[in-house]
N, C-alpha and C. Protein backbone atom coordinates (compact mmCIF):
# COMPACT_ATOMS: atom_id res chain seq x y z
N UNK A 1 -35.31 -17.67 -8.86
CA UNK A 1 -35.13 -18.56 -10.13
C UNK A 1 -34.14 -17.66 -11.14
N UNK A 2 -34.73 -17.05 -11.69
CA UNK A 2 -33.99 -16.41 -12.78
C UNK A 2 -33.11 -16.13 -12.32
N UNK A 3 -32.43 -15.41 -11.92
CA UNK A 3 -31.05 -14.85 -11.16
C UNK A 3 -29.97 -16.17 -10.84
N UNK A 4 -30.69 -17.17 -10.34
CA UNK A 4 -29.74 -18.59 -10.74
C UNK A 4 -29.23 -18.74 -11.65
N UNK A 5 -30.20 -18.77 -12.45
CA UNK A 5 -30.26 -19.77 -13.64
C UNK A 5 -28.82 -18.35 -14.41
N UNK A 6 -29.22 -16.80 -14.58
CA UNK A 6 -28.58 -16.24 -15.52
C UNK A 6 -26.68 -16.16 -14.37
N UNK A 7 -26.77 -16.58 -13.09
CA UNK A 7 -25.59 -16.40 -12.30
C UNK A 7 -25.24 -17.84 -12.91
N UNK A 8 -25.88 -18.98 -13.23
CA UNK A 8 -24.67 -20.24 -13.28
C UNK A 8 -23.82 -20.16 -14.98
N UNK A 9 -25.10 -19.44 -15.70
CA UNK A 9 -24.20 -18.74 -17.13
C UNK A 9 -23.05 -18.15 -17.29
N UNK A 10 -23.15 -17.41 -16.10
CA UNK A 10 -21.97 -16.50 -15.81
C UNK A 10 -20.86 -16.52 -15.27
N UNK A 11 -21.04 -17.50 -14.74
CA UNK A 11 -20.08 -17.98 -13.19
C UNK A 11 -19.26 -19.33 -14.10
N UNK A 12 -18.13 -18.84 -13.49
CA UNK A 12 -17.23 -19.82 -14.07
C UNK A 12 -16.63 -21.07 -12.68
N UNK A 13 -16.95 -22.51 -12.99
CA UNK A 13 -17.03 -23.00 -11.80
C UNK A 13 -15.54 -23.91 -12.25
N UNK A 14 -14.67 -23.53 -11.85
CA UNK A 14 -13.28 -23.62 -11.98
C UNK A 14 -13.36 -25.42 -12.08
N UNK A 15 -13.24 -26.05 -10.97
CA UNK A 15 -12.95 -27.61 -10.86
C UNK A 15 -13.99 -28.69 -12.23
N UNK A 16 -15.09 -28.24 -12.56
CA UNK A 16 -15.62 -28.40 -13.69
C UNK A 16 -14.88 -28.29 -14.90
N UNK A 17 -14.95 -27.06 -15.06
CA UNK A 17 -13.95 -26.48 -16.06
C UNK A 17 -12.51 -27.26 -16.53
N UNK A 18 -11.82 -27.10 -15.64
CA UNK A 18 -10.49 -28.08 -15.47
C UNK A 18 -10.91 -29.24 -16.09
N UNK A 19 -11.23 -30.26 -15.05
CA UNK A 19 -11.67 -31.33 -15.66
C UNK A 19 -12.30 -31.40 -16.69
N UNK A 20 -13.14 -30.90 -17.11
CA UNK A 20 -14.11 -31.32 -18.81
C UNK A 20 -13.26 -31.30 -19.85
N UNK A 21 -12.50 -30.20 -19.30
CA UNK A 21 -11.33 -29.60 -20.44
C UNK A 21 -10.09 -30.62 -20.60
N UNK A 22 -9.85 -30.88 -19.25
CA UNK A 22 -8.60 -31.71 -19.13
C UNK A 22 -8.74 -33.22 -20.08
N UNK A 23 -10.45 -34.09 -19.30
CA UNK A 23 -10.52 -35.10 -19.72
C UNK A 23 -10.01 -35.99 -21.34
N UNK A 24 -10.45 -35.09 -22.00
CA UNK A 24 -10.27 -35.89 -23.81
C UNK A 24 -8.78 -35.63 -24.02
N UNK A 25 -7.62 -35.24 -22.84
CA UNK A 25 -6.17 -35.37 -23.22
C UNK A 25 -5.93 -36.73 -22.20
N UNK A 26 -6.60 -37.29 -21.97
CA UNK A 26 -6.14 -38.69 -21.06
C UNK A 26 -5.91 -40.01 -21.95
N UNK A 27 -7.65 -39.72 -22.85
CA UNK A 27 -7.33 -40.39 -24.31
C UNK A 27 -6.02 -40.10 -24.84
N UNK A 28 -5.84 -39.46 -25.35
CA UNK A 28 -4.44 -38.36 -26.39
C UNK A 28 -3.40 -38.97 -25.58
N UNK A 29 -3.14 -38.33 -24.36
CA UNK A 29 -1.90 -39.54 -23.81
C UNK A 29 -1.97 -40.79 -23.51
N UNK A 30 -2.64 -41.64 -23.82
CA UNK A 30 -2.83 -43.24 -23.56
C UNK A 30 -2.24 -43.26 -25.11
N UNK A 31 -2.93 -42.78 -26.07
CA UNK A 31 -3.19 -42.90 -27.20
C UNK A 31 -1.34 -42.36 -28.02
N UNK A 32 -0.42 -41.66 -27.37
CA UNK A 32 0.50 -41.32 -27.55
C UNK A 32 1.38 -42.26 -27.54
N UNK A 33 1.44 -42.92 -26.45
CA UNK A 33 2.50 -43.89 -26.31
C UNK A 33 2.39 -45.16 -27.24
N UNK A 34 1.02 -45.35 -27.70
CA UNK A 34 1.18 -46.57 -28.61
C UNK A 34 1.47 -46.08 -29.91
N UNK A 35 1.13 -44.73 -30.58
CA UNK A 35 1.37 -44.54 -31.35
C UNK A 35 3.13 -43.46 -31.51
N UNK A 36 3.95 -43.30 -30.35
CA UNK A 36 5.18 -43.03 -30.41
C UNK A 36 6.17 -44.20 -31.10
N UNK A 37 5.52 -45.86 -30.78
CA UNK A 37 6.37 -46.75 -31.10
C UNK A 37 6.24 -46.52 -32.50
N UNK A 38 4.79 -46.85 -33.05
CA UNK A 38 4.50 -47.40 -34.28
C UNK A 38 4.46 -46.53 -35.45
N UNK A 39 5.08 -45.32 -35.05
CA UNK A 39 5.11 -44.18 -36.08
C UNK A 39 7.04 -44.38 -36.42
N UNK A 40 7.26 -45.30 -35.76
CA UNK A 40 8.82 -45.46 -36.06
C UNK A 40 9.36 -46.57 -36.66
N UNK A 41 8.43 -47.47 -36.54
CA UNK A 41 8.34 -48.61 -36.85
C UNK A 41 7.54 -49.23 -38.12
N UNK A 42 5.64 -49.30 -37.85
CA UNK A 42 4.77 -49.87 -38.66
C UNK A 42 4.26 -48.83 -40.01
N UNK A 43 4.17 -47.50 -39.20
CA UNK A 43 3.27 -46.40 -40.21
C UNK A 43 4.35 -46.34 -41.22
N UNK A 44 5.69 -46.24 -41.16
CA UNK A 44 6.50 -45.65 -42.20
C UNK A 44 6.61 -47.16 -43.33
N UNK A 45 6.16 -47.62 -43.22
CA UNK A 45 5.79 -48.88 -43.86
C UNK A 45 4.38 -49.12 -45.04
N UNK A 46 4.04 -48.04 -44.53
CA UNK A 46 2.98 -48.55 -45.21
C UNK A 46 2.34 -46.89 -46.65
N UNK A 47 2.02 -46.93 -47.74
CA UNK A 47 2.13 -46.04 -48.63
C UNK A 47 0.62 -45.12 -48.17
N UNK A 48 1.24 -43.90 -48.21
CA UNK A 48 0.48 -42.85 -47.33
C UNK A 48 0.18 -41.54 -48.77
N UNK A 49 -0.86 -41.25 -48.82
CA UNK A 49 -0.62 -39.83 -49.75
C UNK A 49 0.08 -38.91 -49.43
N UNK A 50 0.47 -38.05 -51.09
CA UNK A 50 1.69 -37.10 -50.52
C UNK A 50 0.87 -35.68 -49.83
N UNK A 51 -0.30 -35.30 -49.55
CA UNK A 51 -0.93 -34.76 -48.85
C UNK A 51 -0.84 -34.12 -47.48
N UNK A 52 -1.04 -35.39 -46.56
CA UNK A 52 -0.77 -35.55 -45.57
C UNK A 52 0.07 -34.99 -44.91
N UNK A 53 -0.49 -34.67 -43.66
CA UNK A 53 0.29 -33.90 -42.90
C UNK A 53 1.61 -33.93 -42.53
N UNK A 54 2.66 -33.39 -41.48
CA UNK A 54 3.76 -34.41 -41.11
C UNK A 54 3.36 -34.43 -39.79
N UNK A 55 4.38 -36.05 -39.69
CA UNK A 55 4.05 -36.69 -38.17
C UNK A 55 3.99 -35.29 -37.05
N UNK A 56 5.27 -34.33 -37.12
CA UNK A 56 4.50 -33.68 -36.16
C UNK A 56 3.78 -32.72 -35.68
N UNK A 57 2.79 -32.68 -36.78
CA UNK A 57 1.97 -32.06 -36.70
C UNK A 57 0.92 -32.83 -36.23
N UNK A 58 0.92 -33.17 -35.81
CA UNK A 58 -0.49 -34.34 -35.16
C UNK A 58 -0.67 -33.88 -33.86
N UNK A 59 0.61 -34.12 -32.81
CA UNK A 59 0.55 -34.09 -31.77
C UNK A 59 0.33 -32.70 -31.35
N UNK A 60 0.02 -31.52 -31.79
CA UNK A 60 0.25 -30.33 -31.94
C UNK A 60 -1.39 -30.00 -31.98
N UNK A 61 -1.65 -30.54 -32.84
CA UNK A 61 -3.10 -30.07 -33.42
C UNK A 61 -3.72 -30.93 -32.67
N UNK A 62 -3.89 -32.13 -32.21
CA UNK A 62 -4.63 -32.58 -31.33
C UNK A 62 -4.63 -32.30 -30.09
N UNK A 63 -3.31 -31.54 -29.08
CA UNK A 63 -3.37 -30.82 -28.07
C UNK A 63 -4.42 -29.67 -28.46
N UNK A 64 -4.21 -28.82 -28.99
CA UNK A 64 -5.62 -28.01 -29.38
C UNK A 64 -6.95 -28.32 -29.96
N UNK A 65 -6.88 -29.31 -30.40
CA UNK A 65 -8.26 -29.60 -30.73
C UNK A 65 -9.20 -30.43 -29.22
N UNK A 66 -8.04 -31.12 -28.54
CA UNK A 66 -8.52 -31.81 -27.29
C UNK A 66 -9.28 -30.82 -26.30
N UNK A 67 -8.36 -29.85 -26.40
CA UNK A 67 -8.37 -28.96 -25.46
C UNK A 67 -9.75 -27.82 -25.70
N UNK A 68 -9.77 -27.51 -27.04
CA UNK A 68 -11.21 -27.10 -27.48
C UNK A 68 -12.31 -27.77 -27.04
N UNK A 69 -12.36 -29.06 -27.45
CA UNK A 69 -13.54 -30.02 -27.41
C UNK A 69 -14.15 -30.26 -25.98
N UNK A 70 -12.71 -29.86 -25.05
CA UNK A 70 -13.12 -30.53 -24.03
C UNK A 70 -13.58 -29.13 -22.77
N UNK A 71 -13.04 -27.94 -23.32
CA UNK A 71 -13.89 -26.26 -22.99
C UNK A 71 -15.15 -26.58 -23.81
N UNK A 72 -15.58 -26.90 -24.82
CA UNK A 72 -16.90 -27.07 -24.85
C UNK A 72 -17.77 -27.57 -24.52
N UNK A 73 -17.41 -28.95 -24.22
CA UNK A 73 -18.64 -29.74 -23.48
C UNK A 73 -18.64 -29.34 -22.04
N UNK A 74 -17.57 -28.37 -21.38
CA UNK A 74 -17.86 -27.93 -20.41
C UNK A 74 -18.85 -26.71 -20.37
N UNK A 75 -19.11 -25.88 -21.29
CA UNK A 75 -19.75 -24.81 -21.50
C UNK A 75 -21.23 -25.77 -21.85
N UNK A 76 -21.19 -26.82 -22.62
CA UNK A 76 -22.99 -27.33 -23.03
C UNK A 76 -23.17 -28.06 -21.61
N UNK A 77 -22.40 -28.39 -20.29
CA UNK A 77 -22.61 -29.35 -19.20
C UNK A 77 -22.88 -27.89 -18.55
N UNK A 78 -22.52 -26.88 -18.06
CA UNK A 78 -22.77 -25.52 -17.42
C UNK A 78 -23.83 -25.12 -17.61
N UNK A 79 -24.61 -24.80 -19.28
CA UNK A 79 -25.93 -24.77 -19.67
C UNK A 79 -26.51 -24.97 -19.02
N UNK A 80 -26.37 -26.73 -18.99
CA UNK A 80 -27.74 -27.88 -18.62
C UNK A 80 -27.91 -28.14 -17.26
N UNK A 81 -27.20 -27.27 -16.28
CA UNK A 81 -26.73 -27.76 -14.98
C UNK A 81 -26.14 -29.06 -14.10
N UNK A 82 -25.64 -29.24 -15.48
CA UNK A 82 -24.84 -30.23 -14.92
C UNK A 82 -25.28 -31.85 -15.30
N UNK A 83 -24.84 -32.88 -15.06
CA UNK A 83 -25.05 -34.31 -15.97
C UNK A 83 -25.88 -34.70 -15.32
N UNK A 84 -26.70 -34.57 -14.01
CA UNK A 84 -28.14 -35.06 -13.76
C UNK A 84 -29.41 -34.83 -14.06
N UNK A 85 -29.42 -33.52 -14.86
CA UNK A 85 -30.45 -33.04 -16.03
C UNK A 85 -30.85 -33.98 -16.59
N UNK A 86 -32.69 -33.87 -17.14
CA UNK A 86 -32.49 -34.85 -18.32
C UNK A 86 -31.96 -34.64 -19.40
N UNK A 87 -32.24 -33.32 -19.40
CA UNK A 87 -31.62 -32.65 -21.05
C UNK A 87 -30.47 -32.89 -21.39
N UNK A 88 -30.04 -33.27 -20.79
CA UNK A 88 -28.25 -33.47 -20.65
C UNK A 88 -28.05 -34.61 -21.19
N UNK A 89 -29.16 -35.97 -21.44
CA UNK A 89 -28.75 -37.17 -21.72
C UNK A 89 -28.14 -37.07 -23.32
N UNK A 90 -29.02 -36.53 -24.06
CA UNK A 90 -28.35 -36.62 -25.61
C UNK A 90 -27.37 -36.08 -25.94
N UNK A 91 -27.13 -34.46 -25.25
CA UNK A 91 -25.67 -34.12 -25.80
C UNK A 91 -24.56 -34.23 -25.21
N UNK A 92 -25.05 -34.54 -23.83
CA UNK A 92 -23.72 -34.99 -22.95
C UNK A 92 -23.53 -36.50 -23.37
N UNK A 93 -24.74 -37.72 -23.80
CA UNK A 93 -24.44 -39.01 -24.70
C UNK A 93 -23.96 -39.12 -25.50
N UNK A 94 -23.90 -38.35 -26.69
CA UNK A 94 -23.09 -37.84 -27.85
C UNK A 94 -21.85 -37.69 -27.70
N UNK A 95 -21.61 -37.01 -27.05
CA UNK A 95 -19.94 -36.20 -26.75
C UNK A 95 -19.26 -37.44 -25.97
N UNK A 96 -19.75 -38.38 -25.33
CA UNK A 96 -19.59 -39.12 -24.85
C UNK A 96 -18.52 -40.70 -25.43
N UNK A 97 -19.82 -40.46 -26.47
CA UNK A 97 -19.66 -41.80 -27.59
C UNK A 97 -18.87 -41.35 -28.44
N UNK A 98 -18.78 -39.82 -28.84
CA UNK A 98 -18.07 -39.46 -29.77
C UNK A 98 -16.43 -39.22 -29.25
N UNK A 99 -16.00 -39.55 -27.75
CA UNK A 99 -14.96 -39.42 -27.01
C UNK A 99 -14.86 -41.00 -27.14
N UNK A 100 -15.48 -42.22 -26.92
CA UNK A 100 -14.80 -43.23 -26.70
C UNK A 100 -14.34 -44.01 -28.12
N UNK A 101 -15.14 -43.42 -29.05
CA UNK A 101 -14.42 -43.68 -30.61
C UNK A 101 -13.21 -43.12 -30.77
N UNK A 102 -13.23 -41.86 -30.19
CA UNK A 102 -12.16 -41.29 -30.67
C UNK A 102 -10.64 -42.08 -29.68
N UNK A 103 -11.15 -42.29 -28.85
CA UNK A 103 -10.00 -43.04 -28.34
C UNK A 103 -9.76 -44.48 -28.29
N UNK A 104 -10.87 -45.05 -29.21
CA UNK A 104 -10.82 -46.02 -29.84
C UNK A 104 -10.08 -46.37 -31.04
N UNK A 105 -9.83 -45.58 -31.54
CA UNK A 105 -8.94 -45.33 -32.62
C UNK A 105 -7.53 -45.63 -32.84
N UNK A 106 -6.97 -45.18 -32.03
CA UNK A 106 -5.72 -45.17 -31.60
C UNK A 106 -5.43 -46.65 -31.68
N UNK A 107 -5.51 -47.01 -30.59
CA UNK A 107 -5.46 -48.37 -30.39
C UNK A 107 -5.62 -49.39 -31.43
N UNK A 108 -6.61 -49.00 -31.98
CA UNK A 108 -7.31 -50.25 -33.26
C UNK A 108 -6.31 -50.02 -34.93
N UNK A 109 -6.13 -49.04 -34.72
CA UNK A 109 -5.07 -48.57 -36.30
C UNK A 109 -3.76 -48.29 -35.64
N UNK A 110 -3.36 -48.14 -34.86
CA UNK A 110 -1.60 -47.61 -34.48
C UNK A 110 -1.57 -49.13 -33.75
N UNK A 111 -2.18 -49.39 -32.85
CA UNK A 111 -1.94 -50.48 -31.77
C UNK A 111 -2.30 -52.12 -32.30
N UNK A 112 -3.28 -52.49 -33.21
CA UNK A 112 -3.77 -53.57 -33.55
C UNK A 112 -3.38 -53.24 -35.13
N UNK A 113 -3.00 -52.50 -35.81
CA UNK A 113 -2.44 -52.53 -37.34
C UNK A 113 -3.73 -52.58 -38.37
N UNK A 114 -5.03 -52.18 -37.58
CA UNK A 114 -5.84 -52.88 -38.31
C UNK A 114 -6.81 -51.78 -38.80
N UNK A 115 -6.44 -51.35 -40.37
CA UNK A 115 -6.18 -49.90 -40.81
C UNK A 115 -8.10 -50.43 -41.39
N UNK A 116 -8.41 -51.21 -41.75
CA UNK A 116 -9.86 -51.56 -42.22
C UNK A 116 -11.06 -50.54 -40.63
N UNK A 117 -10.75 -51.51 -39.52
CA UNK A 117 -11.50 -51.06 -38.41
C UNK A 117 -11.04 -49.78 -38.27
N UNK A 118 -9.67 -48.86 -37.76
CA UNK A 118 -9.79 -47.72 -38.15
C UNK A 118 -10.78 -47.14 -38.70
N UNK A 119 -10.90 -47.32 -40.10
CA UNK A 119 -11.48 -46.59 -41.01
C UNK A 119 -13.05 -46.69 -40.68
N UNK A 120 -13.61 -47.84 -40.33
CA UNK A 120 -15.01 -47.71 -39.91
C UNK A 120 -15.13 -47.15 -38.52
N UNK A 121 -14.14 -46.93 -37.57
CA UNK A 121 -14.13 -45.95 -36.05
C UNK A 121 -14.13 -44.45 -36.52
N UNK A 122 -12.87 -44.33 -37.38
CA UNK A 122 -13.12 -43.00 -38.04
C UNK A 122 -14.46 -42.46 -38.65
N UNK A 123 -15.11 -43.29 -39.43
CA UNK A 123 -16.34 -42.75 -39.72
C UNK A 123 -17.51 -42.67 -39.15
N UNK A 124 -17.21 -43.56 -38.26
CA UNK A 124 -18.37 -43.62 -37.05
C UNK A 124 -18.12 -41.93 -36.28
N UNK A 125 -16.90 -42.05 -35.82
CA UNK A 125 -16.51 -41.12 -35.66
C UNK A 125 -17.09 -39.80 -35.63
N UNK A 126 -16.72 -39.34 -37.09
CA UNK A 126 -16.63 -38.13 -37.70
C UNK A 126 -18.19 -38.12 -37.89
N UNK A 127 -19.21 -38.85 -37.95
CA UNK A 127 -20.91 -38.56 -37.66
C UNK A 127 -21.19 -38.31 -36.44
N UNK A 128 -20.33 -38.78 -35.56
CA UNK A 128 -21.13 -38.87 -34.17
C UNK A 128 -20.90 -37.40 -33.80
N UNK A 129 -19.71 -36.68 -33.69
CA UNK A 129 -19.45 -35.67 -33.85
C UNK A 129 -20.27 -34.59 -34.34
N UNK A 130 -20.54 -34.66 -35.59
CA UNK A 130 -21.69 -34.02 -36.87
C UNK A 130 -22.99 -33.96 -35.63
N UNK A 131 -23.53 -34.78 -35.41
CA UNK A 131 -24.53 -35.30 -34.58
C UNK A 131 -23.88 -34.62 -33.00
N UNK A 132 -23.21 -34.51 -32.59
CA UNK A 132 -22.89 -33.75 -31.25
C UNK A 132 -23.27 -32.64 -31.53
N UNK A 133 -22.50 -31.71 -32.43
CA UNK A 133 -22.47 -30.31 -32.77
C UNK A 133 -24.12 -30.25 -33.30
N UNK A 134 -24.70 -30.34 -33.56
CA UNK A 134 -26.20 -30.46 -33.99
C UNK A 134 -26.92 -30.17 -32.88
N UNK A 135 -26.63 -31.37 -31.54
CA UNK A 135 -27.40 -31.65 -30.41
C UNK A 135 -27.18 -29.91 -29.61
N UNK A 136 -26.14 -29.49 -29.91
CA UNK A 136 -25.56 -28.83 -29.25
C UNK A 136 -25.89 -27.29 -29.75
N UNK A 137 -25.67 -27.33 -30.76
CA UNK A 137 -26.37 -26.10 -31.17
C UNK A 137 -27.77 -25.08 -30.54
N UNK A 138 -28.29 -25.51 -30.12
CA UNK A 138 -29.67 -24.65 -29.50
C UNK A 138 -29.29 -24.41 -28.31
N UNK A 139 -28.14 -25.17 -27.66
CA UNK A 139 -27.57 -24.73 -26.15
C UNK A 139 -26.66 -24.22 -25.69
N UNK A 140 -26.14 -24.05 -26.84
CA UNK A 140 -24.20 -23.56 -26.82
C UNK A 140 -23.48 -23.00 -28.45
N UNK A 141 -24.13 -22.04 -28.83
CA UNK A 141 -23.03 -22.08 -29.90
C UNK A 141 -22.23 -21.75 -29.87
N UNK A 142 -21.37 -21.05 -28.68
CA UNK A 142 -19.55 -21.23 -28.92
C UNK A 142 -19.13 -22.20 -28.53
N UNK A 143 -19.79 -23.53 -27.90
CA UNK A 143 -19.61 -24.82 -27.99
C UNK A 143 -19.67 -25.69 -29.11
N UNK A 144 -20.50 -25.64 -29.72
CA UNK A 144 -20.66 -25.65 -31.10
C UNK A 144 -19.42 -25.62 -32.01
N UNK A 145 -18.93 -23.79 -31.66
CA UNK A 145 -18.09 -23.18 -32.81
C UNK A 145 -16.69 -24.13 -32.49
N UNK A 146 -16.39 -24.20 -30.89
CA UNK A 146 -15.31 -25.10 -30.65
C UNK A 146 -15.26 -26.37 -31.18
N UNK A 147 -16.32 -26.50 -31.71
CA UNK A 147 -16.03 -28.28 -32.12
C UNK A 147 -15.73 -28.29 -33.78
N UNK A 148 -15.58 -27.06 -34.24
CA UNK A 148 -15.56 -26.95 -35.63
C UNK A 148 -14.45 -27.37 -36.34
N UNK A 149 -13.51 -26.76 -36.21
CA UNK A 149 -11.98 -27.48 -36.41
C UNK A 149 -11.96 -28.71 -35.95
N UNK A 150 -12.22 -29.41 -35.04
CA UNK A 150 -12.11 -30.85 -34.61
C UNK A 150 -13.07 -31.81 -35.54
N UNK A 151 -13.93 -31.32 -36.15
CA UNK A 151 -15.01 -31.76 -36.89
C UNK A 151 -14.12 -31.50 -38.39
N UNK A 152 -13.28 -30.58 -38.70
CA UNK A 152 -13.00 -30.57 -40.16
C UNK A 152 -11.56 -31.52 -40.06
N UNK A 153 -10.64 -31.26 -38.86
CA UNK A 153 -9.74 -32.19 -38.78
C UNK A 153 -9.95 -33.43 -39.19
N UNK A 154 -11.14 -34.45 -38.49
CA UNK A 154 -11.30 -35.65 -38.66
C UNK A 154 -11.84 -35.71 -40.11
N UNK A 155 -13.03 -34.65 -40.64
CA UNK A 155 -12.81 -34.91 -41.73
C UNK A 155 -11.20 -35.20 -43.03
N UNK A 156 -10.30 -34.40 -42.32
CA UNK A 156 -9.32 -34.28 -43.30
C UNK A 156 -8.65 -36.03 -42.87
N UNK A 157 -8.65 -36.62 -41.59
CA UNK A 157 -8.03 -37.59 -41.00
C UNK A 157 -8.73 -38.57 -41.49
N UNK A 158 -10.23 -38.57 -41.85
CA UNK A 158 -10.71 -39.72 -42.51
C UNK A 158 -10.77 -39.94 -43.92
N UNK A 159 -10.43 -39.05 -44.92
CA UNK A 159 -9.48 -39.20 -46.08
C UNK A 159 -8.19 -39.85 -46.24
N UNK A 160 -7.71 -39.50 -45.18
CA UNK A 160 -6.22 -39.42 -45.15
C UNK A 160 -6.43 -41.61 -44.55
N UNK A 161 -7.05 -42.05 -43.50
CA UNK A 161 -7.58 -43.14 -43.24
C UNK A 161 -8.15 -43.88 -44.42
N UNK A 162 -8.79 -43.52 -44.84
CA UNK A 162 -9.65 -44.09 -46.22
C UNK A 162 -8.18 -44.06 -47.30
N UNK A 163 -7.39 -43.27 -47.66
CA UNK A 163 -6.30 -43.82 -48.82
C UNK A 163 -5.39 -44.56 -48.50
N UNK A 164 -5.10 -44.95 -47.16
CA UNK A 164 -3.83 -45.72 -46.47
C UNK A 164 -4.99 -47.34 -46.51
N UNK A 165 -6.33 -47.16 -46.31
CA UNK A 165 -7.06 -48.29 -46.50
C UNK A 165 -6.09 -48.75 -47.78
N UNK A 166 -7.09 -47.67 -48.41
CA UNK A 166 -7.53 -48.14 -50.14
C UNK A 166 -6.04 -48.96 -50.68
N UNK A 167 -4.66 -47.92 -50.33
CA UNK A 167 -3.66 -48.23 -51.17
C UNK A 167 -2.38 -49.24 -49.94
N UNK A 168 -3.43 -49.84 -49.10
CA UNK A 168 -2.79 -50.83 -48.13
C UNK A 168 -3.27 -52.12 -47.54
N UNK A 169 -3.89 -52.62 -48.80
CA UNK A 169 -4.88 -54.14 -48.34
C UNK A 169 -4.78 -54.61 -47.14
N UNK A 170 -5.78 -55.21 -46.26
CA UNK A 170 -5.27 -55.55 -44.95
C UNK A 170 -4.82 -57.14 -45.69
N UNK A 171 -4.26 -57.96 -45.08
CA UNK A 171 -3.22 -59.06 -45.53
C UNK A 171 -4.03 -60.01 -45.42
N UNK A 172 -4.43 -60.97 -46.64
CA UNK A 172 -5.34 -61.64 -46.64
C UNK A 172 -5.23 -63.15 -44.99
N UNK A 173 -6.42 -63.74 -44.99
CA UNK A 173 -6.24 -64.50 -43.30
C UNK A 173 -5.88 -66.03 -43.73
N UNK A 174 -4.99 -65.98 -42.84
CA UNK A 174 -3.97 -67.12 -42.91
C UNK A 174 -5.23 -68.46 -43.69
N UNK A 175 -5.15 -69.35 -44.41
CA UNK A 175 -5.74 -70.37 -44.21
C UNK A 175 -5.08 -71.78 -43.98
N UNK A 176 -5.67 -72.78 -43.19
CA UNK A 176 -4.96 -73.76 -42.51
C UNK A 176 -5.66 -74.88 -43.24
């Protein structure tokens, strides 16, 4: 038994590694289609803080962050022995929840132009990523460290979303 556990920890399982590393990119690719149009039309109409990163930085940064978080999920998955283990429910469940919140933000903010709902989503996302990292720490410290740039970027993105929300109030609902 001990030999099997040690072997599992050092053996690279290529299909799960590639699949879990690629998974976050699926939502990123879908979000890019929504964002691409809105960055040229709606987004320039918003007041934004002077410290915001240039538009061209976002794709590069998210590619690295998605790759890191995906590989980190593989490390946790491998340490836990897959999805079927009861111990995997909370750490991989939190990861799945944060991934869903991540994927939801772009259609909410850029697609529906719902700045307030986007702010709520990204605050929940940032908290869920923090909870994910706390649950991962005893399982895989390297996986937790791989999530650190993501959490830092989300803190910046949350501040940016907040400033956009503050400086661009949602239009008043129409009264009939």
